[in-house]
Protein backbone atom coordinates (compact mmCIF):
# COMPACT_ATOMS: atom_id res chain seq x y z
CA MET A 1 0.00 0.00 0.00
CA THR A 2 1.23 3.49 -0.79
CA PRO A 3 0.65 6.29 1.74
CA GLN A 4 -2.26 7.61 -0.33
CA GLU A 5 -4.01 4.24 -0.10
CA LEU A 6 -3.74 3.93 3.68
CA PRO A 7 -7.06 4.10 5.48
CA PRO A 8 -7.75 7.25 7.50
CA PRO A 9 -5.92 7.20 10.84
CA ILE A 10 -9.14 7.88 12.75
CA SER A 11 -12.52 6.20 13.01
CA PRO A 12 -15.45 7.12 10.73
CA ARG A 13 -17.09 8.85 13.75
CA GLN A 14 -13.99 10.96 14.31
CA MET A 15 -13.69 11.67 10.57
CA ASP A 16 -17.25 13.04 10.52
CA MET A 17 -16.35 15.39 13.38
CA LEU A 18 -13.19 16.49 11.55
CA ARG A 19 -15.15 17.15 8.36
CA ALA A 20 -17.81 19.17 10.20
CA VAL A 21 -15.19 21.35 11.87
CA ALA A 22 -13.28 21.69 8.58
CA ALA A 23 -16.52 22.88 6.95
CA MET A 24 -16.58 25.72 9.50
CA ALA A 25 -13.01 26.64 8.56
CA TRP A 26 -13.98 26.65 4.87
CA ALA A 27 -17.09 28.80 5.50
CA ASP A 28 -15.43 31.98 4.25
CA GLY A 29 -13.86 30.23 1.26
CA LYS A 30 -10.33 30.08 2.67
CA LEU A 31 -8.59 27.64 4.97
CA GLU A 32 -6.28 29.81 7.08
CA PRO A 33 -3.01 28.53 8.62
CA ASP A 34 -4.31 29.33 12.13
CA GLU A 35 -7.46 27.31 11.46
CA ILE A 36 -5.42 24.36 10.19
CA ARG A 37 -3.11 24.51 13.21
CA LEU A 38 -6.00 24.69 15.68
CA MET A 39 -7.85 21.76 14.09
CA LEU A 40 -4.78 19.55 13.88
CA ASP A 41 -3.75 20.34 17.46
CA GLU A 42 -7.23 19.76 18.89
CA PHE A 43 -7.89 16.54 17.00
CA ALA A 44 -4.43 15.19 17.83
CA MET A 45 -5.09 15.85 21.53
CA LEU A 46 -8.51 14.18 21.30
CA PHE A 47 -7.60 11.15 19.22
CA ALA A 48 -3.97 10.27 20.07
CA LYS A 49 -2.37 9.34 23.36
CA THR A 50 1.37 9.93 22.97
CA GLU A 51 3.32 12.83 21.52
CA THR A 52 4.61 10.60 18.71
CA GLU A 53 1.07 9.45 17.86
CA ARG A 54 -0.11 13.07 17.90
CA SER A 55 2.65 14.18 15.55
CA ASN A 56 1.93 11.32 13.13
CA LEU A 57 -1.81 11.96 13.31
CA LYS A 58 -1.38 15.66 12.50
CA THR A 59 0.66 14.79 9.42
CA ARG A 60 -1.92 12.28 8.21
CA LEU A 61 -5.00 14.42 8.98
CA LYS A 62 -3.72 17.47 7.12
CA ASP A 63 -4.75 15.87 3.79
CA TYR A 64 -8.35 15.51 4.95
CA LEU A 65 -8.75 19.19 5.81
CA GLY A 66 -8.82 20.03 2.11
CA GLN A 67 -12.12 18.22 1.70
CA ASN A 68 -14.92 20.73 1.99
CA ILE A 69 -17.93 18.50 2.59
CA PRO A 70 -21.30 20.14 3.35
CA LEU A 71 -22.43 20.09 6.98
CA GLU A 72 -25.72 18.54 5.93
CA GLU A 73 -23.84 15.42 4.79
CA VAL A 74 -21.72 14.84 7.89
CA ILE A 75 -23.70 16.11 10.89
CA PRO A 76 -26.41 13.41 10.68
CA ASN A 77 -23.62 10.84 11.18
CA ILE A 78 -22.58 12.46 14.47
CA LYS A 79 -24.95 10.70 16.82
CA SER A 80 -23.85 11.13 20.44
CA ILE A 81 -24.57 14.32 22.37
CA GLU A 82 -20.94 14.44 23.53
CA ASP A 83 -19.66 14.25 19.94
CA ARG A 84 -22.14 16.94 18.90
CA LYS A 85 -21.00 19.20 21.73
CA MET A 86 -17.35 18.62 20.83
CA THR A 87 -18.10 19.40 17.17
CA LEU A 88 -19.82 22.65 18.15
CA ARG A 89 -16.97 23.63 20.50
CA LEU A 90 -14.29 22.97 17.90
CA GLY A 91 -16.30 24.64 15.14
CA TYR A 92 -16.74 27.75 17.27
CA GLN A 93 -13.03 27.80 18.14
CA VAL A 94 -12.04 27.46 14.49
CA ILE A 95 -14.12 30.39 13.26
CA GLN A 96 -12.63 32.55 16.02
CA SER A 97 -9.04 31.54 15.32
CA SER A 98 -8.26 33.86 12.41
CA ARG A 99 -9.45 36.57 10.11
CA ARG A 100 -8.72 37.22 6.45
CA SER A 101 -7.62 40.79 7.07
CA PRO A 102 -6.88 42.95 10.14
CA ASP A 103 -9.91 45.17 9.54
CA GLU A 104 -12.33 42.23 9.53
CA PRO A 105 -14.07 40.91 12.67
CA MET A 106 -12.79 37.61 14.10
CA ILE A 107 -16.02 35.95 12.96
CA ASN A 108 -17.02 37.23 9.54
CA LEU A 109 -20.53 37.06 8.10
CA ASP A 110 -19.88 33.85 6.12
CA GLU A 111 -18.54 32.12 9.23
CA ALA A 112 -21.42 33.40 11.37
CA ALA A 113 -23.94 32.06 8.84
CA ALA A 114 -22.16 28.67 8.67
CA TYR A 115 -22.05 28.54 12.47
CA GLN A 116 -25.80 29.16 12.64
CA ARG A 117 -26.32 26.24 10.21
CA LEU A 118 -24.09 24.09 12.41
CA VAL A 119 -26.07 25.02 15.54
CA ARG A 120 -29.36 24.30 13.77
CA ILE A 121 -28.28 20.95 12.34
CA LEU A 122 -26.64 19.76 15.57
CA ASP A 123 -29.94 20.51 17.32
CA LEU A 124 -28.44 20.96 20.78
CA PRO A 125 -30.48 22.70 23.50
CA PRO A 126 -29.98 26.50 23.47
CA GLU A 127 -28.54 26.46 27.00
CA VAL A 128 -25.90 23.91 25.92
CA VAL A 129 -24.96 26.11 22.95
CA ALA A 130 -24.73 29.16 25.22
CA ASP A 131 -22.56 27.27 27.75
CA ILE A 132 -20.17 26.10 25.02
CA GLU A 133 -19.90 29.59 23.54
CA ALA A 134 -19.36 31.17 26.96
CA SER A 135 -16.63 28.68 27.77
CA ILE A 136 -14.58 29.71 24.73
CA ALA A 137 -15.70 33.26 24.03
CA PRO A 138 -12.76 35.63 23.54
CA THR A 139 -12.13 38.27 26.17
CA GLU A 140 -10.75 41.76 25.83
CA GLU A 141 -7.46 40.55 27.30
CA THR A 142 -6.96 37.80 24.72
CA HIS A 143 -8.51 39.49 21.68
CA PRO A 144 -8.27 43.29 21.94
CA ASN A 145 -9.86 43.79 18.51
CA GLY A 146 -12.19 40.82 18.70
CA ILE A 147 -14.74 41.68 21.34
CA ILE A 148 -17.44 39.49 19.87
CA LYS A 149 -18.56 37.63 22.95
CA SER A 150 -21.37 35.41 21.94
CA LEU A 151 -21.79 36.93 18.49
CA ALA A 152 -23.12 33.62 17.34
CA SER A 153 -25.52 33.53 20.25
CA ARG A 154 -26.80 37.03 19.42
CA LEU A 155 -27.15 36.09 15.75
CA HIS A 156 -28.96 32.90 16.73
CA LYS A 157 -31.46 34.90 18.76
CA LEU A 158 -31.91 37.48 15.99
CA LEU A 159 -32.41 34.82 13.33
CA GLY A 160 -34.67 32.83 15.65
CA ASN A 161 -36.87 35.88 16.26
CA ALA A 162 -37.05 36.59 12.53
CA ASN A 163 -38.75 33.25 11.82
C-alpha cells in the first residue's frame, strides 16, 4: 500500500467530526493557517495518546482538511450528544481563530452564517450552545480587537426571532 491508499488514521465517527469542523473553517472560502493549526492540534489531543502518535496523526490528517464536505452530509452521522457538543466547541473555536484581514471581525458574516447552520443541524439545546460559547468566548485581554462575545448567540437569537 502506498501512503495515499492507507485508510484514515481515525474512526469514521472521528472523521465526521473532523469534516464538520473543517466545513466551518472553509465557510469563508479560505482555509487559514491558524485554522489548520488549531484543528490539527485539537484533533491530535482528542484522538492520540502519545506525543509521537499526535505528531503522526497531525501529518496524516492534514490531507483531509482540504475536503470541503457540506455540513448537511456529515452532521447526521454524528450521533452522540458528547460528539455533537465537541463538534460545536471545535467549530466555534475554528471560526474565532483567524481573520482574512486585520480590519475584519474575528467571525465574519460567512462564518457566522455557517455557524448558525451548524447550531441548527446539531440541534443541541440553546442552554448547551450558550454554555459552550461562553466557555470559549474571547475576552478583551486575549482578543483586543475581537470583542465578539457570543456573536453567534446574538445572531442565533436574531435569526430565531425573525422566523
